[in-house]
PDB file of N, CA and C in Angstrom:
ATOM      1  N   UNK A   1     135.190 107.897 111.301  1.00  0.00           N
ATOM      2  CA  UNK A   1     134.695 109.473 110.748  1.00  0.00           C
ATOM      3  C   UNK A   1     133.983 110.150 111.495  1.00  0.00           C
ATOM      4  N   UNK A   2     133.726 111.226 111.095  1.00  0.00           N
ATOM      5  CA  UNK A   2     133.100 112.145 111.779  1.00  0.00           C
ATOM      6  C   UNK A   2     132.778 112.950 110.973  1.00  0.00           C
ATOM      7  N   UNK A   3     131.241 113.833 111.721  1.00  0.00           N
ATOM      8  CA  UNK A   3     130.548 114.677 110.592  1.00  0.00           C
ATOM      9  C   UNK A   3     131.443 115.787 110.492  1.00  0.00           C
ATOM     10  N   UNK A   4     130.922 116.842 109.422  1.00  0.00           N
ATOM     11  CA  UNK A   4     131.437 118.394 109.635  1.00  0.00           C
ATOM     12  C   UNK A   4     131.798 118.933 110.600  1.00  0.00           C
ATOM     13  N   UNK A   5     131.245 118.634 111.598  1.00  0.00           N
ATOM     14  CA  UNK A   5     131.500 119.500 113.013  1.00  0.00           C
ATOM     15  C   UNK A   5     131.887 118.586 114.021  1.00  0.00           C
ATOM     16  N   UNK A   6     132.522 117.590 113.093  1.00  0.00           N
ATOM     17  CA  UNK A   6     132.933 116.640 114.156  1.00  0.00           C
ATOM     18  C   UNK A   6     132.368 116.068 115.305  1.00  0.00           C
ATOM     19  N   UNK A   7     131.417 115.901 114.693  1.00  0.00           N
ATOM     20  CA  UNK A   7     129.814 115.147 115.248  1.00  0.00           C
ATOM     21  C   UNK A   7     130.178 113.769 115.438  1.00  0.00           C
ATOM     22  N   UNK A   8     129.085 113.428 115.309  1.00  0.00           N
ATOM     23  CA  UNK A   8     128.808 112.013 114.531  1.00  0.00           C
ATOM     24  C   UNK A   8     128.968 111.298 113.246  1.00  0.00           C
ATOM     25  N   UNK A   9     129.162 110.104 113.025  1.00  0.00           N
ATOM     26  CA  UNK A   9     129.846 110.139 111.453  1.00  0.00           C
ATOM     27  C   UNK A   9     128.809 110.245 110.038  1.00  0.00           C
ATOM     28  N   UNK A  10     129.122 111.060 109.603  1.00  0.00           N
ATOM     29  CA  UNK A  10     128.241 111.047 108.128  1.00  0.00           C
ATOM     30  C   UNK A  10     127.321 110.026 108.246  1.00  0.00           C
ATOM     31  N   UNK A  11     126.236 110.193 108.195  1.00  0.00           N
ATOM     32  CA  UNK A  11     125.230 108.324 107.422  1.00  0.00           C
ATOM     33  C   UNK A  11     124.561 108.594 106.300  1.00  0.00           C
ATOM     34  N   UNK A  12     124.417 108.009 105.149  1.00  0.00           N
ATOM     35  CA  UNK A  12     123.383 108.277 104.105  1.00  0.00           C
ATOM     36  C   UNK A  12     121.934 108.579 104.114  1.00  0.00           C
ATOM     37  N   UNK A  13     121.135 109.414 103.957  1.00  0.00           N
ATOM     38  CA  UNK A  13     119.916 109.689 104.456  1.00  0.00           C
ATOM     39  C   UNK A  13     119.208 108.170 104.009  1.00  0.00           C
ATOM     40  N   UNK A  14     118.118 108.310 104.522  1.00  0.00           N
ATOM     41  CA  UNK A  14     117.036 106.765 103.776  1.00  0.00           C
ATOM     42  C   UNK A  14     116.477 107.331 102.966  1.00  0.00           C
ATOM     43  N   UNK A  15     115.888 105.833 102.137  1.00  0.00           N
ATOM     44  CA  UNK A  15     115.270 106.474 100.865  1.00  0.00           C
ATOM     45  C   UNK A  15     113.731 106.831 101.590  1.00  0.00           C
ATOM     46  N   UNK A  16     113.543 107.638 100.735  1.00  0.00           N
ATOM     47  CA  UNK A  16     112.169 108.369 101.140  1.00  0.00           C
ATOM     48  C   UNK A  16     111.325 107.752 100.875  1.00  0.00           C
ATOM     49  N   UNK A  17     110.079 107.969 101.434  1.00  0.00           N
ATOM     50  CA  UNK A  17     108.544 107.407 101.296  1.00  0.00           C
ATOM     51  C   UNK A  17     108.681 106.636 100.483  1.00  0.00           C
ATOM     52  N   UNK A  18     108.147 105.766 100.567  1.00  0.00           N
ATOM     53  CA  UNK A  18     107.361 105.417  99.418  1.00  0.00           C
ATOM     54  C   UNK A  18     108.481 104.628  98.082  1.00  0.00           C
ATOM     55  N   UNK A  19     109.820 104.890  98.823  1.00  0.00           N
ATOM     56  CA  UNK A  19     110.974 104.385  98.039  1.00  0.00           C
ATOM     57  C   UNK A  19     110.817 102.534  97.901  1.00  0.00           C
ATOM     58  N   UNK A  20     111.058 101.931  97.031  1.00  0.00           N
ATOM     59  CA  UNK A  20     110.994  99.964  97.561  1.00  0.00           C
ATOM     60  C   UNK A  20     112.706  99.860  98.037  1.00  0.00           C
ATOM     61  N   UNK A  21     112.733  99.101  98.852  1.00  0.00           N
ATOM     62  CA  UNK A  21     114.407  98.687  98.716  1.00  0.00           C
ATOM     63  C   UNK A  21     114.928  98.318  97.298  1.00  0.00           C
ATOM     64  N   UNK A  22     114.198  98.143  96.271  1.00  0.00           N
ATOM     65  CA  UNK A  22     114.623  97.623  95.045  1.00  0.00           C
ATOM     66  C   UNK A  22     115.345  98.749  94.501  1.00  0.00           C
ATOM     67  N   UNK A  23     115.087 100.178  94.653  1.00  0.00           N
ATOM     68  CA  UNK A  23     115.788 101.070  94.351  1.00  0.00           C
ATOM     69  C   UNK A  23     117.518 101.846  95.029  1.00  0.00           C
ATOM     70  N   UNK A  24     117.331 100.893  96.150  1.00  0.00           N
ATOM     71  CA  UNK A  24     118.969 100.329  96.889  1.00  0.00           C
ATOM     72  C   UNK A  24     119.473  99.383  96.426  1.00  0.00           C
ATOM     73  N   UNK A  25     120.707  99.881  95.533  1.00  0.00           N
ATOM     74  CA  UNK A  25     121.148  98.743  94.688  1.00  0.00           C
ATOM     75  C   UNK A  25     121.909  97.649  95.720  1.00  0.00           C
ATOM     76  N   UNK A  26     122.261  98.284  96.697  1.00  0.00           N
ATOM     77  CA  UNK A  26     123.189  97.034  97.767  1.00  0.00           C
ATOM     78  C   UNK A  26     122.123  96.515  98.467  1.00  0.00           C
ATOM     79  N   UNK A  27     121.093  96.859  98.635  1.00  0.00           N
ATOM     80  CA  UNK A  27     119.799  96.424  99.806  1.00  0.00           C
ATOM     81  C   UNK A  27     119.807  95.130  99.012  1.00  0.00           C
ATOM     82  N   UNK A  28     120.034  94.041 100.791  1.00  0.00           N
ATOM     83  CA  UNK A  28     119.857  92.351 100.133  1.00  0.00           C
ATOM     84  C   UNK A  28     118.461  91.923  99.201  1.00  0.00           C
ATOM     85  N   UNK A  29     117.244  93.369  99.470  1.00  0.00           N
ATOM     86  CA  UNK A  29     115.552  92.805  98.961  1.00  0.00           C
ATOM     87  C   UNK A  29     115.919  93.634  97.674  1.00  0.00           C
ATOM     88  N   UNK A  30     116.882  93.716  96.842  1.00  0.00           N
ATOM     89  CA  UNK A  30     117.067  94.411  95.779  1.00  0.00           C
ATOM     90  C   UNK A  30     117.405  93.488  94.148  1.00  0.00           C
ATOM     91  N   UNK A  31     116.984  92.366  94.974  1.00  0.00           N
ATOM     92  CA  UNK A  31     117.157  91.204  93.759  1.00  0.00           C
ATOM     93  C   UNK A  31     115.602  91.022  93.301  1.00  0.00           C
ATOM     94  N   UNK A  32     115.768  91.058  91.949  1.00  0.00           N
ATOM     95  CA  UNK A  32     113.864  90.928  91.296  1.00  0.00           C
ATOM     96  C   UNK A  32     112.751  90.088  92.100  1.00  0.00           C
ATOM     97  N   UNK A  33     113.525  88.900  92.750  1.00  0.00           N
ATOM     98  CA  UNK A  33     112.613  87.778  93.155  1.00  0.00           C
ATOM     99  C   UNK A  33     112.601  88.322  94.545  1.00  0.00           C
ATOM    100  N   UNK A  34     113.014  89.267  94.860  1.00  0.00           N
ATOM    101  CA  UNK A  34     112.287  89.422  96.109  1.00  0.00           C
ATOM    102  C   UNK A  34     111.176  89.632  96.836  1.00  0.00           C
ATOM    103  N   UNK A  35     110.960  88.976  98.271  1.00  0.00           N
ATOM    104  CA  UNK A  35     109.155  89.045  98.644  1.00  0.00           C
ATOM    105  C   UNK A  35     109.028  90.671  97.889  1.00  0.00           C
ATOM    106  N   UNK A  36     107.655  90.452  97.588  1.00  0.00           N
ATOM    107  CA  UNK A  36     106.652  92.327  97.471  1.00  0.00           C
ATOM    108  C   UNK A  36     105.898  92.777  98.613  1.00  0.00           C
ATOM    109  N   UNK A  37     105.862  92.139 100.011  1.00  0.00           N
ATOM    110  CA  UNK A  37     106.022  93.202 100.900  1.00  0.00           C
ATOM    111  C   UNK A  37     107.052  94.171 100.708  1.00  0.00           C
ATOM    112  N   UNK A  38     108.226  94.034 100.309  1.00  0.00           N
ATOM    113  CA  UNK A  38     109.308  94.924 100.027  1.00  0.00           C
ATOM    114  C   UNK A  38     108.983  96.125  99.464  1.00  0.00           C
ATOM    115  N   UNK A  39     107.793  96.014  98.529  1.00  0.00           N
ATOM    116  CA  UNK A  39     107.019  97.017  97.571  1.00  0.00           C
ATOM    117  C   UNK A  39     106.176  98.046  98.140  1.00  0.00           C
ATOM    118  N   UNK A  40     105.611  97.320  99.437  1.00  0.00           N
ATOM    119  CA  UNK A  40     104.650  98.331  99.749  1.00  0.00           C
ATOM    120  C   UNK A  40     104.588  99.627 100.109  1.00  0.00           C
ATOM    121  N   UNK A  41     104.058 100.138 100.419  1.00  0.00           N
ATOM    122  CA  UNK A  41     104.316 101.899 100.567  1.00  0.00           C
ATOM    123  C   UNK A  41     104.026 101.890 102.157  1.00  0.00           C
ATOM    124  N   UNK A  42     104.862 102.104 103.050  1.00  0.00           N
ATOM    125  CA  UNK A  42     104.283 102.234 103.923  1.00  0.00           C
ATOM    126  C   UNK A  42     103.437 103.843 104.638  1.00  0.00           C
ATOM    127  N   UNK A  43     103.693 104.689 104.120  1.00  0.00           N
ATOM    128  CA  UNK A  43     102.424 105.575 103.798  1.00  0.00           C
ATOM    129  C   UNK A  43     101.068 105.121 103.491  1.00  0.00           C
ATOM    130  N   UNK A  44     100.747 104.199 102.934  1.00  0.00           N
ATOM    131  CA  UNK A  44      99.480 104.282 102.041  1.00  0.00           C
ATOM    132  C   UNK A  44      99.219 103.362 102.729  1.00  0.00           C
ATOM    133  N   UNK A  45      99.579 102.313 103.658  1.00  0.00           N
ATOM    134  CA  UNK A  45      99.471 100.248 104.275  1.00  0.00           C
ATOM    135  C   UNK A  45      98.856 100.694 105.490  1.00  0.00           C
ATOM    136  N   UNK A  46      98.729 102.122 106.083  1.00  0.00           N
ATOM    137  CA  UNK A  46      98.153 101.459 107.407  1.00  0.00           C
ATOM    138  C   UNK A  46      96.499 101.940 106.707  1.00  0.00           C
ATOM    139  N   UNK A  47      95.486 101.236 107.790  1.00  0.00           N
ATOM    140  CA  UNK A  47      94.392 101.288 107.756  1.00  0.00           C
ATOM    141  C   UNK A  47      93.302 102.406 107.141  1.00  0.00           C
ATOM    142  N   UNK A  48      93.533 102.991 107.541  1.00  0.00           N
ATOM    143  CA  UNK A  48      92.954 104.277 107.578  1.00  0.00           C
ATOM    144  C   UNK A  48      93.370 105.086 106.704  1.00  0.00           C
ATOM    145  N   UNK A  49      94.860 104.316 106.307  1.00  0.00           N
ATOM    146  CA  UNK A  49      95.329 106.006 105.093  1.00  0.00           C
ATOM    147  C   UNK A  49      95.092 105.236 103.652  1.00  0.00           C
ATOM    148  N   UNK A  50      94.367 103.461 103.782  1.00  0.00           N
ATOM    149  CA  UNK A  50      94.495 102.412 102.928  1.00  0.00           C
ATOM    150  C   UNK A  50      93.426 103.116 102.404  1.00  0.00           C
ATOM    151  N   UNK A  51      92.052 103.394 103.237  1.00  0.00           N
ATOM    152  CA  UNK A  51      90.891 103.524 102.587  1.00  0.00           C
ATOM    153  C   UNK A  51      90.853 105.198 102.447  1.00  0.00           C
ATOM    154  N   UNK A  52      91.614 105.813 102.998  1.00  0.00           N
ATOM    155  CA  UNK A  52      91.078 107.431 102.360  1.00  0.00           C
ATOM    156  C   UNK A  52      91.609 106.941 100.630  1.00  0.00           C
ATOM    157  N   UNK A  53      92.730 106.582 100.441  1.00  0.00           N
ATOM    158  CA  UNK A  53      93.603 106.713  99.110  1.00  0.00           C
ATOM    159  C   UNK A  53      92.309 106.297  98.128  1.00  0.00           C
ATOM    160  N   UNK A  54      92.239 104.735  98.237  1.00  0.00           N
ATOM    161  CA  UNK A  54      91.051 103.733  98.027  1.00  0.00           C
ATOM    162  C   UNK A  54      90.066 104.889  97.455  1.00  0.00           C
ATOM    163  N   UNK A  55      89.355 105.411  98.714  1.00  0.00           N
ATOM    164  CA  UNK A  55      87.772 106.052  98.704  1.00  0.00           C
ATOM    165  C   UNK A  55      88.861 107.647  96.889  1.00  0.00           C
ATOM    166  N   UNK A  56      89.417 107.468  97.527  1.00  0.00           N
ATOM    167  CA  UNK A  56      89.652 108.913  96.200  1.00  0.00           C
ATOM    168  C   UNK A  56      90.267 108.626  95.145  1.00  0.00           C
ATOM    169  N   UNK A  57      90.625 107.132  94.900  1.00  0.00           N
ATOM    170  CA  UNK A  57      91.231 106.770  94.229  1.00  0.00           C
ATOM    171  C   UNK A  57      89.965 106.728  92.621  1.00  0.00           C
ATOM    172  N   UNK A  58      88.697 106.436  93.034  1.00  0.00           N
ATOM    173  CA  UNK A  58      87.765 106.763  91.920  1.00  0.00           C
ATOM    174  C   UNK A  58      87.097 107.970  91.816  1.00  0.00           C
ATOM    175  N   UNK A  59      87.631 108.873  92.322  1.00  0.00           N
ATOM    176  CA  UNK A  59      87.035 110.339  91.913  1.00  0.00           C
ATOM    177  C   UNK A  59      88.135 110.699  91.330  1.00  0.00           C
ATOM    178  N   UNK A  60      87.544 112.176  91.135  1.00  0.00           N
ATOM    179  CA  UNK A  60      88.759 113.615  90.534  1.00  0.00           C
ATOM    180  C   UNK A  60      88.961 114.597  91.998  1.00  0.00           C
ATOM    181  N   UNK A  61      87.863 114.648  93.121  1.00  0.00           N
ATOM    182  CA  UNK A  61      87.740 115.052  93.978  1.00  0.00           C
ATOM    183  C   UNK A  61      86.524 114.620  94.562  1.00  0.00           C
ATOM    184  N   UNK A  62      86.849 115.253  96.385  1.00  0.00           N
ATOM    185  CA  UNK A  62      85.741 114.601  96.964  1.00  0.00           C
ATOM    186  C   UNK A  62      86.151 115.693  98.604  1.00  0.00           C
ATOM    187  N   UNK A  63      84.144 115.884  98.549  1.00  0.00           N
ATOM    188  CA  UNK A  63      84.250 117.159  99.675  1.00  0.00           C
ATOM    189  C   UNK A  63      84.978 115.923 101.193  1.00  0.00           C
ATOM    190  N   UNK A  64      85.561 116.580 102.125  1.00  0.00           N
ATOM    191  CA  UNK A  64      86.074 116.054 103.405  1.00  0.00           C
ATOM    192  C   UNK A  64      85.033 115.608 103.791  1.00  0.00           C
ATOM    193  N   UNK A  65      83.742 116.048 104.450  1.00  0.00           N
ATOM    194  CA  UNK A  65      82.688 115.120 104.535  1.00  0.00           C
ATOM    195  C   UNK A  65      81.983 113.316 103.633  1.00  0.00           C
ATOM    196  N   UNK A  66      82.907 113.706 102.257  1.00  0.00           N
ATOM    197  CA  UNK A  66      81.928 112.667 102.133  1.00  0.00           C
ATOM    198  C   UNK A  66      83.037 111.346 102.696  1.00  0.00           C
ATOM    199  N   UNK A  67      84.045 111.992 102.393  1.00  0.00           N
ATOM    200  CA  UNK A  67      85.319 111.019 102.945  1.00  0.00           C
ATOM    201  C   UNK A  67      85.580 110.242 104.382  1.00  0.00           C
ATOM    202  N   UNK A  68      85.346 111.171 104.850  1.00  0.00           N
ATOM    203  CA  UNK A  68      85.233 111.311 106.226  1.00  0.00           C
ATOM    204  C   UNK A  68      84.051 109.991 106.487  1.00  0.00           C
ATOM    205  N   UNK A  69      82.803 110.471 105.384  1.00  0.00           N
ATOM    206  CA  UNK A  69      81.510 109.187 105.866  1.00  0.00           C
ATOM    207  C   UNK A  69      81.857 108.234 105.723  1.00  0.00           C
ATOM    208  N   UNK A  70      82.366 107.914 104.005  1.00  0.00           N
ATOM    209  CA  UNK A  70      82.929 106.543 103.542  1.00  0.00           C
ATOM    210  C   UNK A  70      83.336 106.019 104.427  1.00  0.00           C
ATOM    211  N   UNK A  71      84.727 106.745 104.749  1.00  0.00           N
ATOM    212  CA  UNK A  71      85.573 105.979 105.552  1.00  0.00           C
ATOM    213  C   UNK A  71      85.483 105.528 106.839  1.00  0.00           C
ATOM    214  N   UNK A  72      84.642 106.061 107.847  1.00  0.00           N
ATOM    215  CA  UNK A  72      83.713 105.672 109.307  1.00  0.00           C
ATOM    216  C   UNK A  72      84.847 105.823 110.006  1.00  0.00           C
ATOM    217  N   UNK A  73      85.419 107.131 109.847  1.00  0.00           N
ATOM    218  CA  UNK A  73      86.325 108.282 111.089  1.00  0.00           C
ATOM    219  C   UNK A  73      85.485 109.169 111.449  1.00  0.00           C
ATOM    220  N   UNK A  74      86.524 109.698 112.384  1.00  0.00           N
ATOM    221  CA  UNK A  74      85.627 111.413 113.386  1.00  0.00           C
ATOM    222  C   UNK A  74      86.807 112.134 112.397  1.00  0.00           C
ATOM    223  N   UNK A  75      86.049 113.566 112.574  1.00  0.00           N
ATOM    224  CA  UNK A  75      86.711 114.340 111.556  1.00  0.00           C
ATOM    225  C   UNK A  75      88.593 114.365 112.164  1.00  0.00           C
ATOM    226  N   UNK A  76      88.261 114.375 113.333  1.00  0.00           N
ATOM    227  CA  UNK A  76      89.977 114.876 113.722  1.00  0.00           C
ATOM    228  C   UNK A  76      90.330 113.588 113.110  1.00  0.00           C
ATOM    229  N   UNK A  77      90.920 112.259 113.042  1.00  0.00           N
ATOM    230  CA  UNK A  77      91.075 111.206 112.679  1.00  0.00           C
ATOM    231  C   UNK A  77      91.228 111.184 111.652  1.00  0.00           C
ATOM    232  N   UNK A  78      90.288 111.879 109.955  1.00  0.00           N
ATOM    233  CA  UNK A  78      90.513 111.913 108.662  1.00  0.00           C
ATOM    234  C   UNK A  78      91.869 112.996 108.400  1.00  0.00           C
ATOM    235  N   UNK A  79      91.268 114.533 109.216  1.00  0.00           N
ATOM    236  CA  UNK A  79      91.919 115.624 109.827  1.00  0.00           C
ATOM    237  C   UNK A  79      93.490 115.016 109.565  1.00  0.00           C
ATOM    238  N   UNK A  80      94.351 114.430 110.495  1.00  0.00           N
ATOM    239  CA  UNK A  80      95.677 114.291 111.378  1.00  0.00           C
ATOM    240  C   UNK A  80      95.731 113.469 109.972  1.00  0.00           C
ATOM    241  N   UNK A  81      95.071 111.512 109.099  1.00  0.00           N
ATOM    242  CA  UNK A  81      95.869 111.292 108.811  1.00  0.00           C
ATOM    243  C   UNK A  81      95.527 111.768 107.207  1.00  0.00           C
ATOM    244  N   UNK A  82      94.955 112.635 106.399  1.00  0.00           N
ATOM    245  CA  UNK A  82      95.078 113.352 105.418  1.00  0.00           C
ATOM    246  C   UNK A  82      96.533 114.192 105.700  1.00  0.00           C
ATOM    247  N   UNK A  83      96.698 114.538 106.792  1.00  0.00           N
ATOM    248  CA  UNK A  83      97.856 115.728 106.582  1.00  0.00           C
ATOM    249  C   UNK A  83      99.540 114.260 106.440  1.00  0.00           C
ATOM    250  N   UNK A  84      99.386 113.481 107.004  1.00  0.00           N
ATOM    251  CA  UNK A  84     100.274 112.670 106.824  1.00  0.00           C
ATOM    252  C   UNK A  84     100.407 112.674 105.141  1.00  0.00           C
ATOM    253  N   UNK A  85      99.331 112.486 104.303  1.00  0.00           N
ATOM    254  CA  UNK A  85      99.098 111.861 102.732  1.00  0.00           C
ATOM    255  C   UNK A  85      99.740 112.792 102.428  1.00  0.00           C
ATOM    256  N   UNK A  86      98.904 114.550 102.730  1.00  0.00           N
ATOM    257  CA  UNK A  86      99.003 115.491 101.980  1.00  0.00           C
ATOM    258  C   UNK A  86     100.832 116.370 102.323  1.00  0.00           C
ATOM    259  N   UNK A  87     101.828 115.415 103.159  1.00  0.00           N
ATOM    260  CA  UNK A  87     102.805 115.692 104.121  1.00  0.00           C
ATOM    261  C   UNK A  87     103.943 114.897 102.502  1.00  0.00           C
ATOM    262  N   UNK A  88     103.693 113.406 102.309  1.00  0.00           N
ATOM    263  CA  UNK A  88     104.117 112.494 101.515  1.00  0.00           C
ATOM    264  C   UNK A  88     103.943 113.068  99.807  1.00  0.00           C
ATOM    265  N   UNK A  89     102.822 113.950  99.647  1.00  0.00           N
ATOM    266  CA  UNK A  89     102.448 114.452  98.464  1.00  0.00           C
ATOM    267  C   UNK A  89     101.320 113.352  97.782  1.00  0.00           C
ATOM    268  N   UNK A  90     100.699 112.509  98.613  1.00  0.00           N
ATOM    269  CA  UNK A  90     100.215 111.841  97.641  1.00  0.00           C
ATOM    270  C   UNK A  90      98.407 112.506  97.763  1.00  0.00           C
ATOM    271  N   UNK A  91      97.740 113.063  98.600  1.00  0.00           N
ATOM    272  CA  UNK A  91      96.732 113.791  98.390  1.00  0.00           C
ATOM    273  C   UNK A  91      97.129 115.543  98.674  1.00  0.00           C
ATOM    274  N   UNK A  92      95.829 116.618  97.842  1.00  0.00           N
ATOM    275  CA  UNK A  92      95.684 117.679  97.912  1.00  0.00           C
ATOM    276  C   UNK A  92      94.629 118.450  98.359  1.00  0.00           C
ATOM    277  N   UNK A  93      94.814 118.982  99.240  1.00  0.00           N
ATOM    278  CA  UNK A  93      93.900 119.698  99.960  1.00  0.00           C
ATOM    279  C   UNK A  93      93.094 120.850  99.055  1.00  0.00           C
ATOM    280  N   UNK A  94      91.699 121.420  99.299  1.00  0.00           N
ATOM    281  CA  UNK A  94      91.827 122.207  98.683  1.00  0.00           C
ATOM    282  C   UNK A  94      90.668 122.729  99.495  1.00  0.00           C
ATOM    283  N   UNK A  95      90.452 124.059 100.184  1.00  0.00           N
ATOM    284  CA  UNK A  95      90.160 124.773 100.589  1.00  0.00           C
ATOM    285  C   UNK A  95      88.850 125.940 100.060  1.00  0.00           C
ATOM    286  N   UNK A  96      87.717 126.232 100.189  1.00  0.00           N
ATOM    287  CA  UNK A  96      87.079 126.929  99.590  1.00  0.00           C
ATOM    288  C   UNK A  96      85.456 127.172 100.392  1.00  0.00           C
ATOM    289  N   UNK A  97      84.512 127.747  99.697  1.00  0.00           N
ATOM    290  CA  UNK A  97      83.723 128.231 100.519  1.00  0.00           C
ATOM    291  C   UNK A  97      82.165 127.722  99.314  1.00  0.00           C
ATOM    292  N   UNK A  98      81.251 127.321 100.326  1.00  0.00           N
ATOM    293  CA  UNK A  98      80.238 126.851  98.745  1.00  0.00           C
ATOM    294  C   UNK A  98      78.975 127.669  99.592  1.00  0.00           C
ATOM    295  N   UNK A  99      78.923 128.711  99.079  1.00  0.00           N
ATOM    296  CA  UNK A  99      77.922 130.106  99.822  1.00  0.00           C
ATOM    297  C   UNK A  99      78.779 130.662 100.757  1.00  0.00           C
ATOM    298  N   UNK A 100      78.303 130.653 101.715  1.00  0.00           N
ATOM    299  CA  UNK A 100      79.205 131.456 103.691  1.00  0.00           C
ATOM    300  C   UNK A 100      79.807 130.073 104.169  1.00  0.00           C
ATOM    301  N   UNK A 101      79.206 128.837 103.619  1.00  0.00           N
ATOM    302  CA  UNK A 101      80.015 127.780 103.909  1.00  0.00           C
ATOM    303  C   UNK A 101      81.301 127.047 103.307  1.00  0.00           C
ATOM    304  N   UNK A 102      82.188 127.077 104.692  1.00  0.00           N
ATOM    305  CA  UNK A 102      83.549 126.580 104.362  1.00  0.00           C
ATOM    306  C   UNK A 102      83.688 125.384 104.146  1.00  0.00           C
ATOM    307  N   UNK A 103      84.125 125.211 102.682  1.00  0.00           N
ATOM    308  CA  UNK A 103      84.742 123.426 102.651  1.00  0.00           C
ATOM    309  C   UNK A 103      85.708 123.072 102.131  1.00  0.00           C
ATOM    310  N   UNK A 104      86.057 121.893 102.336  1.00  0.00           N
ATOM    311  CA  UNK A 104      87.229 121.037 102.151  1.00  0.00           C
ATOM    312  C   UNK A 104      87.113 120.052 100.898  1.00  0.00           C
ATOM    313  N   UNK A 105      88.129 120.164 100.369  1.00  0.00           N
ATOM    314  CA  UNK A 105      88.035 119.478  99.266  1.00  0.00           C
ATOM    315  C   UNK A 105      89.158 118.307  99.112  1.00  0.00           C
ATOM    316  N   UNK A 106      89.442 116.697  98.498  1.00  0.00           N
ATOM    317  CA  UNK A 106      90.257 115.944  98.935  1.00  0.00           C
ATOM    318  C   UNK A 106      90.611 115.848  97.168  1.00  0.00           C
ATOM    319  N   UNK A 107      91.494 115.652  97.146  1.00  0.00           N
ATOM    320  CA  UNK A 107      92.166 114.977  95.381  1.00  0.00           C
ATOM    321  C   UNK A 107      93.246 114.275  95.754  1.00  0.00           C
ATOM    322  N   UNK A 108      93.363 113.124  94.743  1.00  0.00           N
ATOM    323  CA  UNK A 108      94.857 112.233  95.520  1.00  0.00           C
ATOM    324  C   UNK A 108      96.079 112.664  93.806  1.00  0.00           C
ATOM    325  N   UNK A 109      96.749 113.064  94.246  1.00  0.00           N
ATOM    326  CA  UNK A 109      97.511 113.689  93.201  1.00  0.00           C
ATOM    327  C   UNK A 109      98.232 112.915  92.639  1.00  0.00           C
ATOM    328  N   UNK A 110      98.905 112.871  91.304  1.00  0.00           N
ATOM    329  CA  UNK A 110      99.955 112.084  90.345  1.00  0.00           C
ATOM    330  C   UNK A 110     100.363 110.904  91.034  1.00  0.00           C
ATOM    331  N   UNK A 111     101.065 111.463  91.992  1.00  0.00           N
ATOM    332  CA  UNK A 111     102.245 110.359  92.461  1.00  0.00           C
ATOM    333  C   UNK A 111     101.293 109.877  93.672  1.00  0.00           C
ATOM    334  N   UNK A 112     100.398 110.747  93.815  1.00  0.00           N
ATOM    335  CA  UNK A 112      99.683 109.192  94.976  1.00  0.00           C
ATOM    336  C   UNK A 112      98.436 108.116  94.261  1.00  0.00           C
ATOM    337  N   UNK A 113      98.342 108.492  93.323  1.00  0.00           N
ATOM    338  CA  UNK A 113      97.119 107.421  92.291  1.00  0.00           C
ATOM    339  C   UNK A 113      99.096 106.375  92.583  1.00  0.00           C
ATOM    340  N   UNK A 114      99.773 106.862  91.231  1.00  0.00           N
ATOM    341  CA  UNK A 114     101.312 105.534  91.068  1.00  0.00           C
ATOM    342  C   UNK A 114     101.398 104.938  92.328  1.00  0.00           C
ATOM    343  N   UNK A 115     101.768 105.661  93.138  1.00  0.00           N
ATOM    344  CA  UNK A 115     101.931 105.027  94.687  1.00  0.00           C
ATOM    345  C   UNK A 115     100.634 104.032  95.136  1.00  0.00           C
ATOM    346  N   UNK A 116      99.280 104.448  95.259  1.00  0.00           N
ATOM    347  CA  UNK A 116      98.229 103.720  95.053  1.00  0.00           C
ATOM    348  C   UNK A 116      98.872 102.673  94.287  1.00  0.00           C
ATOM    349  N   UNK A 117      98.759 102.629  93.206  1.00  0.00           N
ATOM    350  CA  UNK A 117      98.686 101.590  92.023  1.00  0.00           C
ATOM    351  C   UNK A 117      99.755 100.655  92.430  1.00  0.00           C
ATOM    352  N   UNK A 118     101.169 101.389  92.270  1.00  0.00           N
ATOM    353  CA  UNK A 118     102.300 100.366  92.897  1.00  0.00           C
ATOM    354  C   UNK A 118     101.980  99.104  94.002  1.00  0.00           C
ATOM    355  N   UNK A 119     101.081 100.004  95.054  1.00  0.00           N
ATOM    356  CA  UNK A 119     100.962  99.175  96.364  1.00  0.00           C
ATOM    357  C   UNK A 119      99.679  97.828  95.830  1.00  0.00           C
ATOM    358  N   UNK A 120      98.696  98.507  95.123  1.00  0.00           N
ATOM    359  CA  UNK A 120      97.747  97.499  94.968  1.00  0.00           C
ATOM    360  C   UNK A 120      98.836  96.200  94.662  1.00  0.00           C
ATOM    361  N   UNK A 121      99.346  97.063  93.668  1.00  0.00           N
ATOM    362  CA  UNK A 121     100.293  95.793  92.759  1.00  0.00           C
ATOM    363  C   UNK A 121     100.850  94.979  93.681  1.00  0.00           C
ATOM    364  N   UNK A 122     101.732  95.218  94.388  1.00  0.00           N
ATOM    365  CA  UNK A 122     102.118  94.716  95.763  1.00  0.00           C
ATOM    366  C   UNK A 122     101.507  93.509  96.497  1.00  0.00           C
ATOM    367  N   UNK A 123     100.509  93.870  96.616  1.00  0.00           N
ATOM    368  CA  UNK A 123      99.602  93.080  97.214  1.00  0.00           C
ATOM    369  C   UNK A 123      98.741  92.296  97.077  1.00  0.00           C
ATOM    370  N   UNK A 124      98.705  92.647  95.879  1.00  0.00           N
ATOM    371  CA  UNK A 124      98.297  91.164  94.152  1.00  0.00           C
ATOM    372  C   UNK A 124      99.814  90.481  94.237  1.00  0.00           C
ATOM    373  N   UNK A 125     100.381  90.609  94.321  1.00  0.00           N
ATOM    374  CA  UNK A 125     101.527  89.663  94.234  1.00  0.00           C
ATOM    375  C   UNK A 125     101.835  89.052  95.616  1.00  0.00           C
ATOM    376  N   UNK A 126     101.489  89.448  96.789  1.00  0.00           N
ATOM    377  CA  UNK A 126     101.315  89.038  98.087  1.00  0.00           C
ATOM    378  C   UNK A 126     100.506  88.032  97.706  1.00  0.00           C
ATOM    379  N   UNK A 127      99.010  88.428  97.664  1.00  0.00           N
ATOM    380  CA  UNK A 127      97.870  87.088  97.698  1.00  0.00           C
ATOM    381  C   UNK A 127      97.674  86.411  96.685  1.00  0.00           C
ATOM    382  N   UNK A 128      99.222  86.677  96.139  1.00  0.00           N
ATOM    383  CA  UNK A 128      99.018  85.363  95.096  1.00  0.00           C
ATOM    384  C   UNK A 128      97.584  85.474  93.285  1.00  0.00           C
ATOM    385  N   UNK A 129      97.218  86.727  93.266  1.00  0.00           N
ATOM    386  CA  UNK A 129      96.447  87.233  92.656  1.00  0.00           C
ATOM    387  C   UNK A 129      96.602  87.876  91.536  1.00  0.00           C
TER     388      UNK A 129
END
């Protein structure tokens, strides 16, 4: 079977980020007793991104520099990882000024809070707690 232009066959799109295998009806891991690792969110699971999300989970928002210092990474590393989280819809970035100095604030979105909670639940299941 080929695609609309006679090229490669049509293949269904992969599930969106954060979509657990249980959301795919015919997936082998769709059974309720599947291993909790299948519920881990790959976007959040990376250590620096996990640290950023965890730091933001306890506040409404925080300045970029505050999160940078809390997570102990460079500006460049934080910026790159925040971009990944923002693209996934997990973090909102707001820019503005304090006096004449530019500032960037980060906040966990509603979707980010949900994903973080689900990720923690999966980690707890894996750890047996």
